[in-house]
Amino acid sequence: MSNNPAHEKLIDNPKFLPLTDPENKRQWKMSEMFSDEFDGESLDLTKWSNHHRYWTGRQPSIFDPKNVSLRNGMLVLVSTWEDEPTDLMIEANKLIPAGERIYENISACAVQSIEPTGYGYYEIKARTAPISIASAFWFRDPIKNKLEIDIFEQVGRPVNANRMNLNGSSYPINTHWFKEGKDFSNGKIYNTGIDLTAEFHIYGFEWDTDFLRFYIDGAFIHEIDNNIERKIDGSQYLLFDMETYIYGSKPPTKEAFAYKPGERNPAEYEIDYVRVWRSDVPQETNIGIPASRDNLDLPTAKVRAGIK
């Protein structure tokens, strides 16, 4: 069963293959519609919107298109501190009921695919932000299919977190089923043992009718059986964003945004590429046991995969 766009153009014998299948056992074809090397001067608006079309963000942060750009062959999402409410905040706050949290102080950002997408293999090379704002890679359709897949919602330096490590080593994974008026979630917070914000990593996600499989730098870390009553099968929009208040992490103060000339901006989430493939070859049923924290060695996995 295909849940991908009927008019999607696929590339046979693609230049790039998934990190986890270099021998092309599943005979992958690359999607032109959803793959992007971000080598242009500006975001390709035929593939992406520079904002979330169904949501303005989780308060106090608000999605602002000004915080999305391309730089040096990368998609850069940044969050910024605002001493005064922006026009977007002022307008959004008019719709918030009295007593609820308002938009203030933090402008974040989101990038959303123009088309919804479905079964396939998804890979990004990214460096997440070392700040108490999530750098996220996820899928959601709030209107039609009412499903969500969170490949990760990393909070690089969580403030007062009750579920996340403070050193950037936590890797939260989740799925959500909203179709019955409730949130049926299937989450896991994986401890990688290293600061994921310090370097670029390759994050892979294999989504098909039987299994959802998650990878970091080629290492198999998590699997969800998709042969279940609440199957994750409907097409969804591909999203990259930054959000506050993830997993109990409080928003950062103004001081957390400071950096000196020549230093890295701690509020930047950088994505080198996104690559998407489709396959008509069925998934293997058993590919082994996902790595536990005790036997996961990401530095070695990076060297083995030739990741720089």
C-alpha atoms as a PDB file:
ATOM      1  CA  MET A   1       0.000   0.000   0.000  1.00  0.00           C
ATOM      2  CA  SER A   2       1.330   3.431  -0.901  1.00  0.00           C
ATOM      3  CA  ASN A   3       0.534   6.517   1.145  1.00  0.00           C
ATOM      4  CA  ASN A   4       2.802   8.800  -0.887  1.00  0.00           C
ATOM      5  CA  PRO A   5       1.872  11.444  -3.482  1.00  0.00           C
ATOM      6  CA  ALA A   6       0.744   9.924  -6.760  1.00  0.00           C
ATOM      7  CA  HIS A   7       2.631  12.574  -8.745  1.00  0.00           C
ATOM      8  CA  GLU A   8       5.916  12.092  -6.838  1.00  0.00           C
ATOM      9  CA  LYS A   9       8.950  11.735  -9.128  1.00  0.00           C
ATOM     10  CA  LEU A  10      11.370   8.980  -8.101  1.00  0.00           C
ATOM     11  CA  ILE A  11      15.023   8.653  -9.184  1.00  0.00           C
ATOM     12  CA  ASP A  12      16.247   5.185 -10.155  1.00  0.00           C
ATOM     13  CA  ASN A  13      19.844   4.277  -9.209  1.00  0.00           C
ATOM     14  CA  PRO A  14      20.261   7.371  -7.028  1.00  0.00           C
ATOM     15  CA  LYS A  15      23.647   8.890  -6.249  1.00  0.00           C
ATOM     16  CA  PHE A  16      22.975   8.561  -2.519  1.00  0.00           C
ATOM     17  CA  LEU A  17      21.646   5.552  -0.614  1.00  0.00           C
ATOM     18  CA  PRO A  18      20.531   5.188   3.009  1.00  0.00           C
ATOM     19  CA  LEU A  19      23.461   4.916   5.388  1.00  0.00           C
ATOM     20  CA  THR A  20      21.980   1.672   6.713  1.00  0.00           C
ATOM     21  CA  ASP A  21      21.608   0.024   3.288  1.00  0.00           C
ATOM     22  CA  PRO A  22      24.718   0.809   1.203  1.00  0.00           C
ATOM     23  CA  GLU A  23      24.237  -2.392  -0.810  1.00  0.00           C
ATOM     24  CA  ASN A  24      20.756  -1.249  -1.826  1.00  0.00           C
ATOM     25  CA  LYS A  25      19.060  -4.482  -0.775  1.00  0.00           C
ATOM     26  CA  ARG A  26      15.656  -2.815  -0.840  1.00  0.00           C
ATOM     27  CA  GLN A  27      16.237  -1.271  -4.286  1.00  0.00           C
ATOM     28  CA  TRP A  28      15.634   2.277  -3.127  1.00  0.00           C
ATOM     29  CA  LYS A  29      14.449   5.070  -5.390  1.00  0.00           C
ATOM     30  CA  MET A  30      15.051   8.643  -4.254  1.00  0.00           C
ATOM     31  CA  SER A  31      12.204  11.116  -3.942  1.00  0.00           C
ATOM     32  CA  GLU A  32      12.873  14.413  -5.707  1.00  0.00           C
ATOM     33  CA  MET A  33       9.886  15.968  -3.963  1.00  0.00           C
ATOM     34  CA  PHE A  34      11.151  15.526  -0.405  1.00  0.00           C
ATOM     35  CA  SER A  35      14.957  15.355  -0.784  1.00  0.00           C
ATOM     36  CA  ASP A  36      16.981  18.551  -0.514  1.00  0.00           C
ATOM     37  CA  GLU A  37      20.711  19.277  -0.237  1.00  0.00           C
ATOM     38  CA  PHE A  38      19.954  22.926   0.667  1.00  0.00           C
ATOM     39  CA  ASP A  39      22.584  24.173  -1.766  1.00  0.00           C
ATOM     40  CA  GLY A  40      20.541  27.112  -3.081  1.00  0.00           C
ATOM     41  CA  GLU A  41      20.538  30.703  -1.929  1.00  0.00           C
ATOM     42  CA  SER A  42      17.048  30.481  -0.421  1.00  0.00           C
ATOM     43  CA  LEU A  43      14.573  27.857   0.702  1.00  0.00           C
ATOM     44  CA  ASP A  44      12.867  26.021  -2.167  1.00  0.00           C
ATOM     45  CA  LEU A  45       9.258  27.113  -1.670  1.00  0.00           C
ATOM     46  CA  THR A  46       8.037  24.493  -4.146  1.00  0.00           C
ATOM     47  CA  LYS A  47       9.031  21.885  -1.530  1.00  0.00           C
ATOM     48  CA  TRP A  48       8.799  23.723   1.781  1.00  0.00           C
ATOM     49  CA  SER A  49       7.026  26.507   3.603  1.00  0.00           C
ATOM     50  CA  ASN A  50       9.080  28.613   6.015  1.00  0.00           C
ATOM     51  CA  HIS A  51       6.408  28.327   8.693  1.00  0.00           C
ATOM     52  CA  HIS A  52       4.016  25.780  10.156  1.00  0.00           C
ATOM     53  CA  ARG A  53       0.746  26.137   8.264  1.00  0.00           C
ATOM     54  CA  TYR A  54      -1.446  24.743  11.057  1.00  0.00           C
ATOM     55  CA  TRP A  55       0.218  25.990  14.235  1.00  0.00           C
ATOM     56  CA  THR A  56       1.927  29.155  15.524  1.00  0.00           C
ATOM     57  CA  GLY A  57       4.159  27.351  18.037  1.00  0.00           C
ATOM     58  CA  ARG A  58       4.176  26.335  21.687  1.00  0.00           C
ATOM     59  CA  GLN A  59       4.088  29.334  23.983  1.00  0.00           C
ATOM     60  CA  PRO A  60       6.059  31.337  24.898  1.00  0.00           C
ATOM     61  CA  SER A  61       7.924  30.749  21.612  1.00  0.00           C
ATOM     62  CA  ILE A  62       6.299  31.611  18.294  1.00  0.00           C
ATOM     63  CA  PHE A  63       7.203  30.418  14.819  1.00  0.00           C
ATOM     64  CA  ASP A  64       8.657  33.280  12.780  1.00  0.00           C
ATOM     65  CA  PRO A  65       9.674  32.870   9.109  1.00  0.00           C
ATOM     66  CA  LYS A  66      12.535  35.359   9.576  1.00  0.00           C
ATOM     67  CA  ASN A  67      14.378  32.677  11.543  1.00  0.00           C
ATOM     68  CA  VAL A  68      14.631  30.246   8.612  1.00  0.00           C
ATOM     69  CA  SER A  69      17.522  30.589   6.148  1.00  0.00           C
ATOM     70  CA  LEU A  70      20.060  28.737   4.027  1.00  0.00           C
ATOM     71  CA  ARG A  71      23.752  29.236   4.768  1.00  0.00           C
ATOM     72  CA  ASN A  72      26.851  27.441   3.475  1.00  0.00           C
ATOM     73  CA  GLY A  73      24.799  24.624   1.981  1.00  0.00           C
ATOM     74  CA  MET A  74      22.693  24.066   5.083  1.00  0.00           C
ATOM     75  CA  LEU A  75      19.196  24.763   6.297  1.00  0.00           C
ATOM     76  CA  VAL A  76      19.555  26.891   9.438  1.00  0.00           C
ATOM     77  CA  LEU A  77      16.762  27.217  11.966  1.00  0.00           C
ATOM     78  CA  VAL A  78      17.427  29.697  14.747  1.00  0.00           C
ATOM     79  CA  SER A  79      15.614  30.922  17.818  1.00  0.00           C
ATOM     80  CA  THR A  80      16.032  34.538  18.929  1.00  0.00           C
ATOM     81  CA  TRP A  81      15.347  36.531  22.065  1.00  0.00           C
ATOM     82  CA  GLU A  82      12.892  39.401  21.712  1.00  0.00           C
ATOM     83  CA  ASP A  83      12.930  42.176  24.328  1.00  0.00           C
ATOM     84  CA  GLU A  84       9.646  43.495  22.938  1.00  0.00           C
ATOM     85  CA  PRO A  85       6.688  41.558  21.513  1.00  0.00           C
ATOM     86  CA  THR A  86       6.916  41.101  17.751  1.00  0.00           C
ATOM     87  CA  ASP A  87       3.992  41.828  15.444  1.00  0.00           C
ATOM     88  CA  LEU A  88       3.405  38.072  15.135  1.00  0.00           C
ATOM     89  CA  MET A  89       3.246  37.716  18.921  1.00  0.00           C
ATOM     90  CA  ILE A  90       0.842  40.633  19.285  1.00  0.00           C
ATOM     91  CA  GLU A  91      -1.552  39.213  16.694  1.00  0.00           C
ATOM     92  CA  ALA A  92      -1.350  35.640  18.012  1.00  0.00           C
ATOM     93  CA  ASN A  93      -1.927  36.750  21.590  1.00  0.00           C
ATOM     94  CA  LYS A  94      -5.276  38.271  20.594  1.00  0.00           C
ATOM     95  CA  LEU A  95      -6.557  34.716  20.056  1.00  0.00           C
ATOM     96  CA  ILE A  96      -5.333  33.293  23.375  1.00  0.00           C
ATOM     97  CA  PRO A  97      -7.979  32.927  26.119  1.00  0.00           C
ATOM     98  CA  ALA A  98      -7.450  34.936  29.301  1.00  0.00           C
ATOM     99  CA  GLY A  99      -5.239  33.199  31.821  1.00  0.00           C
ATOM    100  CA  GLU A 100      -3.375  31.036  29.317  1.00  0.00           C
ATOM    101  CA  ARG A 101       0.333  31.348  28.532  1.00  0.00           C
ATOM    102  CA  ILE A 102       1.050  34.004  25.889  1.00  0.00           C
ATOM    103  CA  TYR A 103       3.683  34.346  23.176  1.00  0.00           C
ATOM    104  CA  GLU A 104       6.599  36.399  24.446  1.00  0.00           C
ATOM    105  CA  ASN A 105      10.383  36.777  24.407  1.00  0.00           C
ATOM    106  CA  ILE A 106      11.302  33.901  22.054  1.00  0.00           C
ATOM    107  CA  SER A 107      10.913  33.729  18.285  1.00  0.00           C
ATOM    108  CA  ALA A 108      11.450  30.174  17.059  1.00  0.00           C
ATOM    109  CA  CYS A 109      10.791  28.701  13.605  1.00  0.00           C
ATOM    110  CA  ALA A 110       9.433  25.825  11.536  1.00  0.00           C
ATOM    111  CA  VAL A 111       9.812  24.347   8.060  1.00  0.00           C
ATOM    112  CA  GLN A 112       6.978  22.188   6.687  1.00  0.00           C
ATOM    113  CA  SER A 113       6.794  20.130   3.517  1.00  0.00           C
ATOM    114  CA  ILE A 114       4.295  21.356   0.934  1.00  0.00           C
ATOM    115  CA  GLU A 115       3.028  17.818   0.338  1.00  0.00           C
ATOM    116  CA  PRO A 116       2.281  15.072   2.875  1.00  0.00           C
ATOM    117  CA  THR A 117       4.510  12.006   2.749  1.00  0.00           C
ATOM    118  CA  GLY A 118       4.336   8.382   3.835  1.00  0.00           C
ATOM    119  CA  TYR A 119       6.214   5.079   3.863  1.00  0.00           C
ATOM    120  CA  GLY A 120       9.911   5.304   3.043  1.00  0.00           C
ATOM    121  CA  TYR A 121      13.370   5.870   4.454  1.00  0.00           C
ATOM    122  CA  TYR A 122      14.210   9.349   5.755  1.00  0.00           C
ATOM    123  CA  GLU A 123      17.698  10.571   6.544  1.00  0.00           C
ATOM    124  CA  ILE A 124      19.033  13.915   7.706  1.00  0.00           C
ATOM    125  CA  LYS A 125      22.470  15.073   8.703  1.00  0.00           C
ATOM    126  CA  ALA A 126      22.054  17.630  11.457  1.00  0.00           C
ATOM    127  CA  ARG A 127      23.566  19.392  14.445  1.00  0.00           C
ATOM    128  CA  THR A 128      21.025  20.230  17.109  1.00  0.00           C
ATOM    129  CA  ALA A 129      21.049  23.343  19.291  1.00  0.00           C
ATOM    130  CA  PRO A 130      22.663  23.375  22.771  1.00  0.00           C
ATOM    131  CA  ILE A 131      19.883  25.396  24.424  1.00  0.00           C
ATOM    132  CA  SER A 132      16.658  24.701  26.339  1.00  0.00           C
ATOM    133  CA  ILE A 133      14.603  24.713  23.130  1.00  0.00           C
ATOM    134  CA  ALA A 134      13.875  21.539  21.190  1.00  0.00           C
ATOM    135  CA  SER A 135      15.419  20.864  17.790  1.00  0.00           C
ATOM    136  CA  ALA A 136      12.845  18.578  16.199  1.00  0.00           C
ATOM    137  CA  PHE A 137      12.463  16.285  13.186  1.00  0.00           C
ATOM    138  CA  TRP A 138       8.909  14.981  12.945  1.00  0.00           C
ATOM    139  CA  PHE A 139       5.773  14.212  10.945  1.00  0.00           C
ATOM    140  CA  ARG A 140       2.221  15.405  11.553  1.00  0.00           C
ATOM    141  CA  ASP A 141      -1.114  15.833   9.814  1.00  0.00           C
ATOM    142  CA  PRO A 142      -3.516  17.478  12.272  1.00  0.00           C
ATOM    143  CA  ILE A 143      -6.362  17.735   9.787  1.00  0.00           C
ATOM    144  CA  LYS A 144      -6.817  14.486   7.857  1.00  0.00           C
ATOM    145  CA  ASN A 145      -4.908  11.594   9.417  1.00  0.00           C
ATOM    146  CA  LYS A 146      -4.398  12.976  12.950  1.00  0.00           C
ATOM    147  CA  LEU A 147      -1.182  11.073  13.495  1.00  0.00           C
ATOM    148  CA  GLU A 148       2.303  12.141  14.580  1.00  0.00           C
ATOM    149  CA  ILE A 149       5.781  10.618  14.469  1.00  0.00           C
ATOM    150  CA  ASP A 150       8.581  12.313  16.421  1.00  0.00           C
ATOM    151  CA  ILE A 151      11.920  11.100  15.077  1.00  0.00           C
ATOM    152  CA  PHE A 152      13.481  13.315  17.694  1.00  0.00           C
ATOM    153  CA  GLU A 153      12.704  16.324  19.865  1.00  0.00           C
ATOM    154  CA  GLN A 154      16.146  16.988  21.275  1.00  0.00           C
ATOM    155  CA  VAL A 155      16.565  19.604  23.977  1.00  0.00           C
ATOM    156  CA  GLY A 156      20.278  20.349  24.027  1.00  0.00           C
ATOM    157  CA  ARG A 157      20.551  22.036  27.424  1.00  0.00           C
ATOM    158  CA  PRO A 158      17.260  21.471  29.239  1.00  0.00           C
ATOM    159  CA  VAL A 159      16.422  23.757  32.156  1.00  0.00           C
ATOM    160  CA  ASN A 160      14.779  22.055  35.155  1.00  0.00           C
ATOM    161  CA  ALA A 161      14.004  18.995  33.065  1.00  0.00           C
ATOM    162  CA  ASN A 162      12.558  16.035  34.897  1.00  0.00           C
ATOM    163  CA  ARG A 163      12.938  13.532  32.061  1.00  0.00           C
ATOM    164  CA  MET A 164      15.952  14.694  30.034  1.00  0.00           C
ATOM    165  CA  ASN A 165      19.671  14.555  30.735  1.00  0.00           C
ATOM    166  CA  LEU A 166      21.184  17.998  31.159  1.00  0.00           C
ATOM    167  CA  ASN A 167      24.202  17.309  28.940  1.00  0.00           C
ATOM    168  CA  GLY A 168      22.463  16.921  25.583  1.00  0.00           C
ATOM    169  CA  SER A 169      22.625  13.110  25.518  1.00  0.00           C
ATOM    170  CA  SER A 170      18.880  12.389  25.552  1.00  0.00           C
ATOM    171  CA  TYR A 171      17.192  11.266  22.346  1.00  0.00           C
ATOM    172  CA  PRO A 172      13.380  11.324  22.682  1.00  0.00           C
ATOM    173  CA  ILE A 173      11.311   9.258  20.224  1.00  0.00           C
ATOM    174  CA  ASN A 174       7.517   9.155  20.083  1.00  0.00           C
ATOM    175  CA  THR A 175       4.408   8.399  18.056  1.00  0.00           C
ATOM    176  CA  HIS A 176       0.923   9.782  18.637  1.00  0.00           C
ATOM    177  CA  TRP A 177      -2.520   8.591  17.553  1.00  0.00           C
ATOM    178  CA  PHE A 178      -5.156  11.308  17.896  1.00  0.00           C
ATOM    179  CA  LYS A 179      -7.993   9.754  15.893  1.00  0.00           C
ATOM    180  CA  GLU A 180     -10.258   8.744  18.780  1.00  0.00           C
ATOM    181  CA  GLY A 181     -10.228  12.067  20.594  1.00  0.00           C
ATOM    182  CA  LYS A 182      -7.365  10.962  22.851  1.00  0.00           C
ATOM    183  CA  ASP A 183      -3.582  10.969  22.595  1.00  0.00           C
ATOM    184  CA  PHE A 184      -2.334   7.390  22.425  1.00  0.00           C
ATOM    185  CA  SER A 185       1.452   7.807  22.545  1.00  0.00           C
ATOM    186  CA  ASN A 186       4.313   5.341  22.360  1.00  0.00           C
ATOM    187  CA  GLY A 187       7.351   7.245  23.597  1.00  0.00           C
ATOM    188  CA  LYS A 188      10.885   6.419  24.628  1.00  0.00           C
ATOM    189  CA  ILE A 189      13.772   8.611  25.782  1.00  0.00           C
ATOM    190  CA  TYR A 190      17.022   7.027  24.699  1.00  0.00           C
ATOM    191  CA  ASN A 191      20.253   7.863  26.506  1.00  0.00           C
ATOM    192  CA  THR A 192      23.033   8.020  23.908  1.00  0.00           C
ATOM    193  CA  GLY A 193      25.831   8.735  26.385  1.00  0.00           C
ATOM    194  CA  ILE A 194      27.217  11.665  24.350  1.00  0.00           C
ATOM    195  CA  ASP A 195      26.344  15.315  23.777  1.00  0.00           C
ATOM    196  CA  LEU A 196      24.421  15.115  20.507  1.00  0.00           C
ATOM    197  CA  THR A 197      24.661  18.890  20.001  1.00  0.00           C
ATOM    198  CA  ALA A 198      28.470  18.882  19.807  1.00  0.00           C
ATOM    199  CA  GLU A 199      28.722  17.431  16.287  1.00  0.00           C
ATOM    200  CA  PHE A 200      26.714  16.573  13.219  1.00  0.00           C
ATOM    201  CA  HIS A 201      25.003  13.191  13.269  1.00  0.00           C
ATOM    202  CA  ILE A 202      23.051  11.262  10.666  1.00  0.00           C
ATOM    203  CA  TYR A 203      19.551  10.394  11.794  1.00  0.00           C
ATOM    204  CA  GLY A 204      17.689   7.680   9.892  1.00  0.00           C
ATOM    205  CA  PHE A 205      14.065   6.642  10.043  1.00  0.00           C
ATOM    206  CA  GLU A 206      12.537   3.680   8.216  1.00  0.00           C
ATOM    207  CA  TRP A 207       8.747   3.817   8.091  1.00  0.00           C
ATOM    208  CA  ASP A 208       6.764   1.032   6.526  1.00  0.00           C
ATOM    209  CA  THR A 209       3.658  -1.066   7.016  1.00  0.00           C
ATOM    210  CA  ASP A 210       5.354  -3.533   9.395  1.00  0.00           C
ATOM    211  CA  PHE A 211       7.914  -1.556  11.414  1.00  0.00           C
ATOM    212  CA  LEU A 212       9.112   1.917  12.351  1.00  0.00           C
ATOM    213  CA  ARG A 213      12.896   1.817  12.822  1.00  0.00           C
ATOM    214  CA  PHE A 214      15.174   4.531  14.165  1.00  0.00           C
ATOM    215  CA  TYR A 215      18.924   4.941  13.578  1.00  0.00           C
ATOM    216  CA  ILE A 216      21.723   7.285  14.662  1.00  0.00           C
ATOM    217  CA  ASP A 217      24.927   7.247  12.590  1.00  0.00           C
ATOM    218  CA  GLY A 218      23.897   3.893  11.168  1.00  0.00           C
ATOM    219  CA  ALA A 219      23.364   2.305  14.592  1.00  0.00           C
ATOM    220  CA  PHE A 220      19.949   0.660  15.044  1.00  0.00           C
ATOM    221  CA  ILE A 221      18.518   2.053  18.289  1.00  0.00           C
ATOM    222  CA  HIS A 222      14.745   1.582  18.363  1.00  0.00           C
ATOM    223  CA  GLU A 223      11.909  -0.318  16.698  1.00  0.00           C
ATOM    224  CA  ILE A 224       8.124  -0.002  16.877  1.00  0.00           C
ATOM    225  CA  ASP A 225       5.924  -2.824  15.613  1.00  0.00           C
ATOM    226  CA  ASN A 226       3.429  -1.250  13.210  1.00  0.00           C
ATOM    227  CA  ASN A 227       1.200  -4.325  12.990  1.00  0.00           C
ATOM    228  CA  ILE A 228      -1.034  -2.933  15.703  1.00  0.00           C
ATOM    229  CA  GLU A 229      -4.608  -1.740  16.066  1.00  0.00           C
ATOM    230  CA  ARG A 230      -3.585   1.935  16.039  1.00  0.00           C
ATOM    231  CA  LYS A 231      -1.353   1.642  13.008  1.00  0.00           C
ATOM    232  CA  ILE A 232       0.815   4.611  11.976  1.00  0.00           C
ATOM    233  CA  ASP A 233      -0.040   4.518   8.301  1.00  0.00           C
ATOM    234  CA  GLY A 234      -1.581   7.786   7.139  1.00  0.00           C
ATOM    235  CA  SER A 235       0.461  10.310   5.148  1.00  0.00           C
ATOM    236  CA  GLN A 236       1.802  13.272   7.116  1.00  0.00           C
ATOM    237  CA  TYR A 237       3.752  16.479   6.586  1.00  0.00           C
ATOM    238  CA  LEU A 238       7.504  16.405   7.133  1.00  0.00           C
ATOM    239  CA  LEU A 239       8.588  19.025   9.663  1.00  0.00           C
ATOM    240  CA  PHE A 240      11.695  20.587  11.162  1.00  0.00           C
ATOM    241  CA  ASP A 241      11.205  23.081  13.963  1.00  0.00           C
ATOM    242  CA  MET A 242      12.294  24.551  17.285  1.00  0.00           C
ATOM    243  CA  GLU A 243       9.887  24.569  20.244  1.00  0.00           C
ATOM    244  CA  THR A 244       9.850  25.462  23.930  1.00  0.00           C
ATOM    245  CA  TYR A 245       8.430  23.409  26.815  1.00  0.00           C
ATOM    246  CA  ILE A 246       9.357  19.948  25.529  1.00  0.00           C
ATOM    247  CA  TYR A 247       9.488  17.121  28.099  1.00  0.00           C
ATOM    248  CA  GLY A 248       9.233  19.517  31.023  1.00  0.00           C
ATOM    249  CA  SER A 249      12.173  21.691  29.946  1.00  0.00           C
ATOM    250  CA  LYS A 250      11.607  25.328  30.826  1.00  0.00           C
ATOM    251  CA  PRO A 251      12.384  28.036  28.260  1.00  0.00           C
ATOM    252  CA  PRO A 252      15.871  29.578  28.340  1.00  0.00           C
ATOM    253  CA  THR A 253      16.581  33.006  29.768  1.00  0.00           C
ATOM    254  CA  LYS A 254      17.988  35.845  27.686  1.00  0.00           C
ATOM    255  CA  GLU A 255      21.516  35.023  28.860  1.00  0.00           C
ATOM    256  CA  ALA A 256      21.370  31.577  27.252  1.00  0.00           C
ATOM    257  CA  PHE A 257      21.260  33.182  23.792  1.00  0.00           C
ATOM    258  CA  ALA A 258      24.543  35.071  24.255  1.00  0.00           C
ATOM    259  CA  TYR A 259      27.700  34.116  22.368  1.00  0.00           C
ATOM    260  CA  LYS A 260      30.950  35.823  21.455  1.00  0.00           C
ATOM    261  CA  PRO A 261      32.216  36.607  17.933  1.00  0.00           C
ATOM    262  CA  GLY A 262      33.609  33.451  16.374  1.00  0.00           C
ATOM    263  CA  GLU A 263      31.653  31.194  18.705  1.00  0.00           C
ATOM    264  CA  ARG A 264      28.746  29.012  17.700  1.00  0.00           C
ATOM    265  CA  ASN A 265      25.277  30.444  18.153  1.00  0.00           C
ATOM    266  CA  PRO A 266      23.759  28.108  20.776  1.00  0.00           C
ATOM    267  CA  ALA A 267      20.244  28.683  19.401  1.00  0.00           C
ATOM    268  CA  GLU A 268      20.963  27.350  15.882  1.00  0.00           C
ATOM    269  CA  TYR A 269      19.734  24.016  14.564  1.00  0.00           C
ATOM    270  CA  GLU A 270      21.623  23.131  11.364  1.00  0.00           C
ATOM    271  CA  ILE A 271      20.542  20.581   8.756  1.00  0.00           C
ATOM    272  CA  ASP A 272      23.013  19.659   6.023  1.00  0.00           C
ATOM    273  CA  TYR A 273      20.543  17.640   3.968  1.00  0.00           C
ATOM    274  CA  VAL A 274      17.336  15.650   3.984  1.00  0.00           C
ATOM    275  CA  ARG A 275      17.158  12.571   1.750  1.00  0.00           C
ATOM    276  CA  VAL A 276      14.091  10.430   1.191  1.00  0.00           C
ATOM    277  CA  TRP A 277      13.776   7.091  -0.560  1.00  0.00           C
ATOM    278  CA  ARG A 278      10.936   4.711  -1.467  1.00  0.00           C
ATOM    279  CA  SER A 279      11.027   0.939  -1.901  1.00  0.00           C
ATOM    280  CA  ASP A 280       8.696  -1.775  -3.179  1.00  0.00           C
ATOM    281  CA  VAL A 281      10.799  -4.467  -1.504  1.00  0.00           C
ATOM    282  CA  PRO A 282       9.265  -5.585   1.832  1.00  0.00           C
ATOM    283  CA  GLN A 283      11.062  -4.839   5.084  1.00  0.00           C
ATOM    284  CA  GLU A 284      13.108  -7.593   6.683  1.00  0.00           C
ATOM    285  CA  THR A 285      11.228  -9.028   9.655  1.00  0.00           C
ATOM    286  CA  ASN A 286      14.222  -9.414  11.965  1.00  0.00           C
ATOM    287  CA  ILE A 287      17.272  -7.168  11.697  1.00  0.00           C
ATOM    288  CA  GLY A 288      18.541  -7.786  15.214  1.00  0.00           C
ATOM    289  CA  ILE A 289      18.109  -6.221  18.619  1.00  0.00           C
ATOM    290  CA  PRO A 290      18.324  -2.420  18.882  1.00  0.00           C
ATOM    291  CA  ALA A 291      21.460  -1.184  20.633  1.00  0.00           C
ATOM    292  CA  SER A 292      21.088  -0.501  24.334  1.00  0.00           C
ATOM    293  CA  ARG A 293      22.887   2.305  26.145  1.00  0.00           C
ATOM    294  CA  ASP A 294      25.434  -0.247  27.371  1.00  0.00           C
ATOM    295  CA  ASN A 295      26.505  -1.326  23.891  1.00  0.00           C
ATOM    296  CA  LEU A 296      25.923   1.841  21.866  1.00  0.00           C
ATOM    297  CA  ASP A 297      29.181   3.430  20.728  1.00  0.00           C
ATOM    298  CA  LEU A 298      28.296   6.400  18.528  1.00  0.00           C
ATOM    299  CA  PRO A 299      31.886   7.686  18.110  1.00  0.00           C
ATOM    300  CA  THR A 300      32.869   4.314  16.629  1.00  0.00           C
ATOM    301  CA  ALA A 301      29.682   4.217  14.548  1.00  0.00           C
ATOM    302  CA  LYS A 302      30.559   7.620  13.087  1.00  0.00           C
ATOM    303  CA  VAL A 303      34.070   6.506  12.147  1.00  0.00           C
ATOM    304  CA  ARG A 304      32.761   3.274  10.646  1.00  0.00           C
ATOM    305  CA  ALA A 305      30.233   5.225   8.558  1.00  0.00           C
ATOM    306  CA  GLY A 306      32.814   7.846   7.523  1.00  0.00           C
ATOM    307  CA  ILE A 307      30.771  10.705   8.987  1.00  0.00           C
ATOM    308  CA  LYS A 308      32.557  14.002   9.481  1.00  0.00           C
END
